Amino acid sequence: MNVALAILWKDLATEWRGRDRVVAMAVFSFLVVVVLHFALPARDAEEARRLAPGLLWVAYIFAAILGLNRAFALELENEALAGLALAPADRGWIFLGKAAASFVILGAVQAVTAVVFALAFDVDLAAIAPSLAIVVALGSLGICAVGTLLGAVSVRTRYREVMLPLLMLPLLVPVLLAAVDATAGLLETGTLRWRSVQLLLVTDAVFWIVSFTSFEYVLDE
């Protein structure tokens, strides 16, 4: 646990000093929202409400991929990744620290992106903000678990910027289906769809358990 907390603190402190990852993620997600806004044809309020869940999660996923691609890139400098592998603890705790840091950074970007999205598409997200935060947090847990594991896999490859989304996106299909459906339910009725929340909980549990137990072998490679 101490190793996970140390890595979490190290990643957040490094990001706070440089802010390169969070700024890049935020700017990229804003640009995705703007492009989607102008790319779609003229629409009424009902159509905007129907399209909003999928479009919002497209922005979230693209921002997450950009951030997770950078999660291990800094560890390549001065062989810091080898130092992590030599930490005197179960390597699953290293995974937890890296994934928790990515979760915090992604959550900050998602919060600001939601405000920009609501303004761009004229969708009222304030009324459902607490429930939407739950859905976004559950979806982000799955994204960060898969992204952290596969980020460690792809970081040493020649085309790591391309490899991560190729490996990550197919595995995120259940997370996206459940998150978009839950968000759509909130916009339509203001209530959570329990079937979607259940799918998110089960998927998150599977992703985190598998990633925790298999991270040791990923660092060995």
C-alpha atoms as a PDB file:
ATOM      1  CA  MET A   1       0.000   0.000   0.000  1.00  0.00           C
ATOM      2  CA  ASN A   2       2.853   2.393   0.812  1.00  0.00           C
ATOM      3  CA  VAL A   3       4.294   1.793  -2.661  1.00  0.00           C
ATOM      4  CA  ALA A   4       0.951   2.613  -4.294  1.00  0.00           C
ATOM      5  CA  LEU A   5       0.601   5.810  -2.266  1.00  0.00           C
ATOM      6  CA  ALA A   6       4.193   6.829  -3.035  1.00  0.00           C
ATOM      7  CA  ILE A   7       3.678   6.359  -6.778  1.00  0.00           C
ATOM      8  CA  LEU A   8       0.339   8.166  -6.629  1.00  0.00           C
ATOM      9  CA  TRP A   9       1.961  11.116  -4.850  1.00  0.00           C
ATOM     10  CA  LYS A  10       4.937  11.102  -7.211  1.00  0.00           C
ATOM     11  CA  ASP A  11       2.763  11.146 -10.350  1.00  0.00           C
ATOM     12  CA  LEU A  12       0.447  13.849  -9.036  1.00  0.00           C
ATOM     13  CA  ALA A  13       3.345  16.005  -7.815  1.00  0.00           C
ATOM     14  CA  THR A  14       5.121  15.631 -11.165  1.00  0.00           C
ATOM     15  CA  GLU A  15       1.939  16.568 -13.009  1.00  0.00           C
ATOM     16  CA  TRP A  16       1.335  19.540 -10.739  1.00  0.00           C
ATOM     17  CA  ARG A  17       4.810  20.890 -11.452  1.00  0.00           C
ATOM     18  CA  GLY A  18       4.617  20.442 -15.211  1.00  0.00           C
ATOM     19  CA  ARG A  19       0.891  20.196 -15.979  1.00  0.00           C
ATOM     20  CA  ASP A  20       1.769  19.024 -19.474  1.00  0.00           C
ATOM     21  CA  ARG A  21      -0.454  15.951 -19.447  1.00  0.00           C
ATOM     22  CA  VAL A  22      -3.565  17.534 -17.966  1.00  0.00           C
ATOM     23  CA  VAL A  23      -3.305  20.591 -20.213  1.00  0.00           C
ATOM     24  CA  ALA A  24      -2.855  18.448 -23.318  1.00  0.00           C
ATOM     25  CA  MET A  25      -5.809  16.261 -22.340  1.00  0.00           C
ATOM     26  CA  ALA A  26      -8.044  19.244 -21.604  1.00  0.00           C
ATOM     27  CA  VAL A  27      -7.199  21.098 -24.809  1.00  0.00           C
ATOM     28  CA  PHE A  28      -7.649  17.946 -26.880  1.00  0.00           C
ATOM     29  CA  SER A  29     -11.029  17.144 -25.327  1.00  0.00           C
ATOM     30  CA  PHE A  30     -12.184  20.744 -25.873  1.00  0.00           C
ATOM     31  CA  LEU A  31     -11.176  20.495 -29.523  1.00  0.00           C
ATOM     32  CA  VAL A  32     -13.078  17.220 -29.881  1.00  0.00           C
ATOM     33  CA  VAL A  33     -16.202  18.882 -28.461  1.00  0.00           C
ATOM     34  CA  VAL A  34     -15.819  21.864 -30.810  1.00  0.00           C
ATOM     35  CA  VAL A  35     -15.268  19.637 -33.854  1.00  0.00           C
ATOM     36  CA  LEU A  36     -18.296  17.514 -33.003  1.00  0.00           C
ATOM     37  CA  HIS A  37     -20.363  20.636 -32.463  1.00  0.00           C
ATOM     38  CA  PHE A  38     -19.603  22.055 -35.894  1.00  0.00           C
ATOM     39  CA  ALA A  39     -19.538  18.705 -37.700  1.00  0.00           C
ATOM     40  CA  LEU A  40     -23.109  17.793 -36.766  1.00  0.00           C
ATOM     41  CA  PRO A  41     -25.991  19.271 -38.770  1.00  0.00           C
ATOM     42  CA  ALA A  42     -28.469  21.731 -37.302  1.00  0.00           C
ATOM     43  CA  ARG A  43     -30.438  20.063 -34.536  1.00  0.00           C
ATOM     44  CA  ASP A  44     -33.153  20.803 -32.039  1.00  0.00           C
ATOM     45  CA  ALA A  45     -32.963  20.360 -28.280  1.00  0.00           C
ATOM     46  CA  GLU A  46     -34.438  16.851 -28.382  1.00  0.00           C
ATOM     47  CA  GLU A  47     -31.907  15.639 -30.909  1.00  0.00           C
ATOM     48  CA  ALA A  48     -29.050  17.193 -28.928  1.00  0.00           C
ATOM     49  CA  ARG A  49     -30.221  15.337 -25.829  1.00  0.00           C
ATOM     50  CA  ARG A  50     -30.342  12.065 -27.772  1.00  0.00           C
ATOM     51  CA  LEU A  51     -26.833  12.448 -29.210  1.00  0.00           C
ATOM     52  CA  ALA A  52     -25.196  13.950 -26.119  1.00  0.00           C
ATOM     53  CA  PRO A  53     -24.293  10.736 -24.219  1.00  0.00           C
ATOM     54  CA  GLY A  54     -22.321   9.192 -27.065  1.00  0.00           C
ATOM     55  CA  LEU A  55     -20.605  12.443 -28.003  1.00  0.00           C
ATOM     56  CA  LEU A  56     -19.642  13.180 -24.405  1.00  0.00           C
ATOM     57  CA  TRP A  57     -18.025   9.780 -23.991  1.00  0.00           C
ATOM     58  CA  VAL A  58     -16.188  10.127 -27.293  1.00  0.00           C
ATOM     59  CA  ALA A  59     -14.510  13.222 -25.869  1.00  0.00           C
ATOM     60  CA  TYR A  60     -13.764  11.406 -22.601  1.00  0.00           C
ATOM     61  CA  ILE A  61     -12.231   8.389 -24.342  1.00  0.00           C
ATOM     62  CA  PHE A  62      -9.996  10.454 -26.608  1.00  0.00           C
ATOM     63  CA  ALA A  63      -8.745  12.487 -23.660  1.00  0.00           C
ATOM     64  CA  ALA A  64      -8.103   9.300 -21.669  1.00  0.00           C
ATOM     65  CA  ILE A  65      -6.098   7.705 -24.482  1.00  0.00           C
ATOM     66  CA  LEU A  66      -3.910  10.792 -24.760  1.00  0.00           C
ATOM     67  CA  GLY A  67      -3.274  10.883 -21.017  1.00  0.00           C
ATOM     68  CA  LEU A  68      -2.696   7.154 -20.577  1.00  0.00           C
ATOM     69  CA  ASN A  69      -0.210   7.180 -23.447  1.00  0.00           C
ATOM     70  CA  ARG A  70       1.861   9.601 -21.350  1.00  0.00           C
ATOM     71  CA  ALA A  71       1.450   7.735 -18.065  1.00  0.00           C
ATOM     72  CA  PHE A  72       4.507   5.534 -18.607  1.00  0.00           C
ATOM     73  CA  ALA A  73       6.361   7.691 -21.118  1.00  0.00           C
ATOM     74  CA  LEU A  74       8.090   9.641 -18.328  1.00  0.00           C
ATOM     75  CA  GLU A  75       9.206   6.392 -16.722  1.00  0.00           C
ATOM     76  CA  LEU A  76      11.349   5.609 -19.765  1.00  0.00           C
ATOM     77  CA  GLU A  77      13.659   8.495 -18.945  1.00  0.00           C
ATOM     78  CA  ASN A  78      16.781   7.467 -16.986  1.00  0.00           C
ATOM     79  CA  GLU A  79      15.441   3.895 -16.833  1.00  0.00           C
ATOM     80  CA  ALA A  80      12.894   4.838 -14.178  1.00  0.00           C
ATOM     81  CA  LEU A  81      10.692   1.973 -15.369  1.00  0.00           C
ATOM     82  CA  ALA A  82      13.399  -0.479 -14.367  1.00  0.00           C
ATOM     83  CA  GLY A  83      13.503   1.202 -10.978  1.00  0.00           C
ATOM     84  CA  LEU A  84       9.779   0.645 -10.566  1.00  0.00           C
ATOM     85  CA  ALA A  85      10.239  -3.029 -11.431  1.00  0.00           C
ATOM     86  CA  LEU A  86      12.847  -3.292  -8.635  1.00  0.00           C
ATOM     87  CA  ALA A  87      10.529  -1.834  -5.975  1.00  0.00           C
ATOM     88  CA  PRO A  88      10.430  -4.153  -2.920  1.00  0.00           C
ATOM     89  CA  ALA A  89       6.713  -4.852  -3.086  1.00  0.00           C
ATOM     90  CA  ASP A  90       4.099  -6.680  -5.093  1.00  0.00           C
ATOM     91  CA  ARG A  91       4.018  -5.046  -8.496  1.00  0.00           C
ATOM     92  CA  GLY A  92       0.248  -4.914  -8.349  1.00  0.00           C
ATOM     93  CA  TRP A  93       0.664  -1.981  -5.959  1.00  0.00           C
ATOM     94  CA  ILE A  94       2.662  -0.181  -8.633  1.00  0.00           C
ATOM     95  CA  PHE A  95      -0.283  -0.676 -10.957  1.00  0.00           C
ATOM     96  CA  LEU A  96      -2.665   0.702  -8.322  1.00  0.00           C
ATOM     97  CA  GLY A  97      -0.563   3.828  -7.824  1.00  0.00           C
ATOM     98  CA  LYS A  98      -0.264   4.537 -11.555  1.00  0.00           C
ATOM     99  CA  ALA A  99      -3.955   3.820 -12.216  1.00  0.00           C
ATOM    100  CA  ALA A 100      -5.091   5.969  -9.281  1.00  0.00           C
ATOM    101  CA  ALA A 101      -3.007   8.911 -10.521  1.00  0.00           C
ATOM    102  CA  SER A 102      -4.469   8.569 -14.013  1.00  0.00           C
ATOM    103  CA  PHE A 103      -7.955   8.396 -12.501  1.00  0.00           C
ATOM    104  CA  VAL A 104      -7.475  11.656 -10.596  1.00  0.00           C
ATOM    105  CA  ILE A 105      -6.020  13.482 -13.601  1.00  0.00           C
ATOM    106  CA  LEU A 106      -8.700  12.148 -15.949  1.00  0.00           C
ATOM    107  CA  GLY A 107     -11.431  13.116 -13.478  1.00  0.00           C
ATOM    108  CA  ALA A 108     -10.251  16.716 -13.396  1.00  0.00           C
ATOM    109  CA  VAL A 109     -10.254  16.896 -17.195  1.00  0.00           C
ATOM    110  CA  GLN A 110     -13.691  15.266 -17.411  1.00  0.00           C
ATOM    111  CA  ALA A 111     -15.220  17.763 -15.009  1.00  0.00           C
ATOM    112  CA  VAL A 112     -14.072  20.735 -17.078  1.00  0.00           C
ATOM    113  CA  THR A 113     -14.983  18.994 -20.337  1.00  0.00           C
ATOM    114  CA  ALA A 114     -18.532  18.425 -19.091  1.00  0.00           C
ATOM    115  CA  VAL A 115     -18.962  22.175 -18.562  1.00  0.00           C
ATOM    116  CA  VAL A 116     -17.681  22.958 -22.065  1.00  0.00           C
ATOM    117  CA  PHE A 117     -19.842  20.207 -23.549  1.00  0.00           C
ATOM    118  CA  ALA A 118     -22.982  21.472 -21.800  1.00  0.00           C
ATOM    119  CA  LEU A 119     -22.394  24.964 -23.168  1.00  0.00           C
ATOM    120  CA  ALA A 120     -21.575  23.803 -26.691  1.00  0.00           C
ATOM    121  CA  PHE A 121     -24.546  21.467 -27.062  1.00  0.00           C
ATOM    122  CA  ASP A 122     -26.982  23.355 -24.845  1.00  0.00           C
ATOM    123  CA  VAL A 123     -27.555  20.330 -22.608  1.00  0.00           C
ATOM    124  CA  ASP A 124     -28.381  20.798 -18.929  1.00  0.00           C
ATOM    125  CA  LEU A 125     -25.951  18.594 -17.013  1.00  0.00           C
ATOM    126  CA  ALA A 126     -26.159  20.521 -13.746  1.00  0.00           C
ATOM    127  CA  ALA A 127     -29.452  18.904 -12.718  1.00  0.00           C
ATOM    128  CA  ILE A 128     -27.987  15.399 -12.992  1.00  0.00           C
ATOM    129  CA  ALA A 129     -24.450  16.264 -11.893  1.00  0.00           C
ATOM    130  CA  PRO A 130     -24.249  13.940  -8.812  1.00  0.00           C
ATOM    131  CA  SER A 131     -25.601  10.900 -10.660  1.00  0.00           C
ATOM    132  CA  LEU A 132     -23.546  11.702 -13.750  1.00  0.00           C
ATOM    133  CA  ALA A 133     -20.422  11.925 -11.580  1.00  0.00           C
ATOM    134  CA  ILE A 134     -21.096   8.367 -10.367  1.00  0.00           C
ATOM    135  CA  VAL A 135     -21.427   7.074 -13.933  1.00  0.00           C
ATOM    136  CA  VAL A 136     -18.322   8.930 -15.084  1.00  0.00           C
ATOM    137  CA  ALA A 137     -16.324   7.660 -12.100  1.00  0.00           C
ATOM    138  CA  LEU A 138     -17.351   4.053 -12.748  1.00  0.00           C
ATOM    139  CA  GLY A 139     -16.559   4.372 -16.426  1.00  0.00           C
ATOM    140  CA  SER A 140     -13.221   6.009 -15.689  1.00  0.00           C
ATOM    141  CA  LEU A 141     -12.255   3.215 -13.302  1.00  0.00           C
ATOM    142  CA  GLY A 142     -12.524   0.698 -16.110  1.00  0.00           C
ATOM    143  CA  ILE A 143     -10.744   2.973 -18.577  1.00  0.00           C
ATOM    144  CA  CYS A 144      -7.842   3.629 -16.204  1.00  0.00           C
ATOM    145  CA  ALA A 145      -7.452  -0.037 -15.274  1.00  0.00           C
ATOM    146  CA  VAL A 146      -7.209  -1.215 -18.878  1.00  0.00           C
ATOM    147  CA  GLY A 147      -5.245   1.827 -20.003  1.00  0.00           C
ATOM    148  CA  THR A 148      -2.631   1.509 -17.258  1.00  0.00           C
ATOM    149  CA  LEU A 149      -2.043  -2.185 -17.918  1.00  0.00           C
ATOM    150  CA  LEU A 150      -1.872  -1.801 -21.701  1.00  0.00           C
ATOM    151  CA  GLY A 151       0.138   1.413 -21.376  1.00  0.00           C
ATOM    152  CA  ALA A 152       2.831  -0.592 -19.610  1.00  0.00           C
ATOM    153  CA  VAL A 153       2.630  -3.187 -22.395  1.00  0.00           C
ATOM    154  CA  SER A 154       2.891  -0.698 -25.255  1.00  0.00           C
ATOM    155  CA  VAL A 155       5.368   1.800 -23.774  1.00  0.00           C
ATOM    156  CA  ARG A 156       8.400  -0.169 -24.947  1.00  0.00           C
ATOM    157  CA  THR A 157       7.042  -0.781 -28.427  1.00  0.00           C
ATOM    158  CA  ARG A 158       8.144   1.289 -31.403  1.00  0.00           C
ATOM    159  CA  TYR A 159       4.666   2.612 -32.184  1.00  0.00           C
ATOM    160  CA  ARG A 160       3.327   3.017 -28.658  1.00  0.00           C
ATOM    161  CA  GLU A 161       1.114   6.010 -29.551  1.00  0.00           C
ATOM    162  CA  VAL A 162      -0.768   3.804 -32.028  1.00  0.00           C
ATOM    163  CA  MET A 163      -0.508   0.522 -30.149  1.00  0.00           C
ATOM    164  CA  LEU A 164      -2.325   1.640 -27.001  1.00  0.00           C
ATOM    165  CA  PRO A 165      -5.631   2.650 -28.667  1.00  0.00           C
ATOM    166  CA  LEU A 166      -5.514  -0.451 -30.882  1.00  0.00           C
ATOM    167  CA  LEU A 167      -5.250  -2.680 -27.821  1.00  0.00           C
ATOM    168  CA  MET A 168      -7.433  -0.620 -25.523  1.00  0.00           C
ATOM    169  CA  LEU A 169     -10.524   0.335 -27.511  1.00  0.00           C
ATOM    170  CA  PRO A 170     -11.843  -3.205 -28.193  1.00  0.00           C
ATOM    171  CA  LEU A 171     -11.661  -4.038 -24.486  1.00  0.00           C
ATOM    172  CA  LEU A 172     -13.557  -0.886 -23.563  1.00  0.00           C
ATOM    173  CA  VAL A 173     -16.691  -1.825 -25.523  1.00  0.00           C
ATOM    174  CA  PRO A 174     -18.644  -3.042 -22.435  1.00  0.00           C
ATOM    175  CA  VAL A 175     -17.593   0.034 -20.460  1.00  0.00           C
ATOM    176  CA  LEU A 176     -18.705   2.377 -23.233  1.00  0.00           C
ATOM    177  CA  LEU A 177     -22.005   0.575 -23.811  1.00  0.00           C
ATOM    178  CA  ALA A 178     -22.877   0.739 -20.129  1.00  0.00           C
ATOM    179  CA  ALA A 179     -21.637   4.307 -19.600  1.00  0.00           C
ATOM    180  CA  VAL A 180     -23.437   5.719 -22.634  1.00  0.00           C
ATOM    181  CA  ASP A 181     -26.647   3.888 -21.731  1.00  0.00           C
ATOM    182  CA  ALA A 182     -26.493   5.120 -18.124  1.00  0.00           C
ATOM    183  CA  THR A 183     -25.815   8.688 -19.261  1.00  0.00           C
ATOM    184  CA  ALA A 184     -28.707   8.500 -21.737  1.00  0.00           C
ATOM    185  CA  GLY A 185     -31.014   7.341 -18.963  1.00  0.00           C
ATOM    186  CA  LEU A 186     -29.998  10.286 -16.806  1.00  0.00           C
ATOM    187  CA  LEU A 187     -30.683  12.776 -19.583  1.00  0.00           C
ATOM    188  CA  GLU A 188     -34.034  11.189 -20.438  1.00  0.00           C
ATOM    189  CA  THR A 189     -35.514  10.458 -17.030  1.00  0.00           C
ATOM    190  CA  GLY A 190     -33.048  11.819 -14.485  1.00  0.00           C
ATOM    191  CA  THR A 191     -32.585   8.364 -12.923  1.00  0.00           C
ATOM    192  CA  LEU A 192     -29.837   5.783 -13.129  1.00  0.00           C
ATOM    193  CA  ARG A 193     -30.425   2.633 -15.145  1.00  0.00           C
ATOM    194  CA  TRP A 194     -29.461  -0.098 -12.722  1.00  0.00           C
ATOM    195  CA  ARG A 195     -28.615  -2.602 -15.474  1.00  0.00           C
ATOM    196  CA  SER A 196     -25.973  -0.253 -16.819  1.00  0.00           C
ATOM    197  CA  VAL A 197     -24.538   0.438 -13.376  1.00  0.00           C
ATOM    198  CA  GLN A 198     -24.352  -3.315 -12.737  1.00  0.00           C
ATOM    199  CA  LEU A 199     -22.455  -3.856 -15.984  1.00  0.00           C
ATOM    200  CA  LEU A 200     -20.032  -1.077 -15.072  1.00  0.00           C
ATOM    201  CA  LEU A 201     -19.444  -2.525 -11.596  1.00  0.00           C
ATOM    202  CA  VAL A 202     -18.838  -6.049 -12.889  1.00  0.00           C
ATOM    203  CA  THR A 203     -16.597  -4.882 -15.726  1.00  0.00           C
ATOM    204  CA  ASP A 204     -14.574  -2.624 -13.427  1.00  0.00           C
ATOM    205  CA  ALA A 205     -14.086  -5.446 -10.927  1.00  0.00           C
ATOM    206  CA  VAL A 206     -12.874  -7.839 -13.628  1.00  0.00           C
ATOM    207  CA  PHE A 207     -10.534  -5.253 -15.160  1.00  0.00           C
ATOM    208  CA  TRP A 208      -8.986  -4.238 -11.841  1.00  0.00           C
ATOM    209  CA  ILE A 209      -8.500  -7.802 -10.587  1.00  0.00           C
ATOM    210  CA  VAL A 210      -6.968  -9.010 -13.850  1.00  0.00           C
ATOM    211  CA  SER A 211      -4.763  -5.934 -14.171  1.00  0.00           C
ATOM    212  CA  PHE A 212      -3.569  -6.129 -10.551  1.00  0.00           C
ATOM    213  CA  THR A 213      -2.616  -9.793 -10.803  1.00  0.00           C
ATOM    214  CA  SER A 214      -1.057  -9.641 -14.272  1.00  0.00           C
ATOM    215  CA  PHE A 215       0.930  -6.410 -13.893  1.00  0.00           C
ATOM    216  CA  GLU A 216       3.871  -8.302 -12.421  1.00  0.00           C
ATOM    217  CA  TYR A 217       4.380 -10.195 -15.677  1.00  0.00           C
ATOM    218  CA  VAL A 218       3.944  -7.040 -17.752  1.00  0.00           C
ATOM    219  CA  LEU A 219       6.857  -5.315 -16.009  1.00  0.00           C
ATOM    220  CA  ASP A 220       9.020  -8.414 -16.454  1.00  0.00           C
ATOM    221  CA  GLU A 221       8.576  -8.145 -20.215  1.00  0.00           C
END
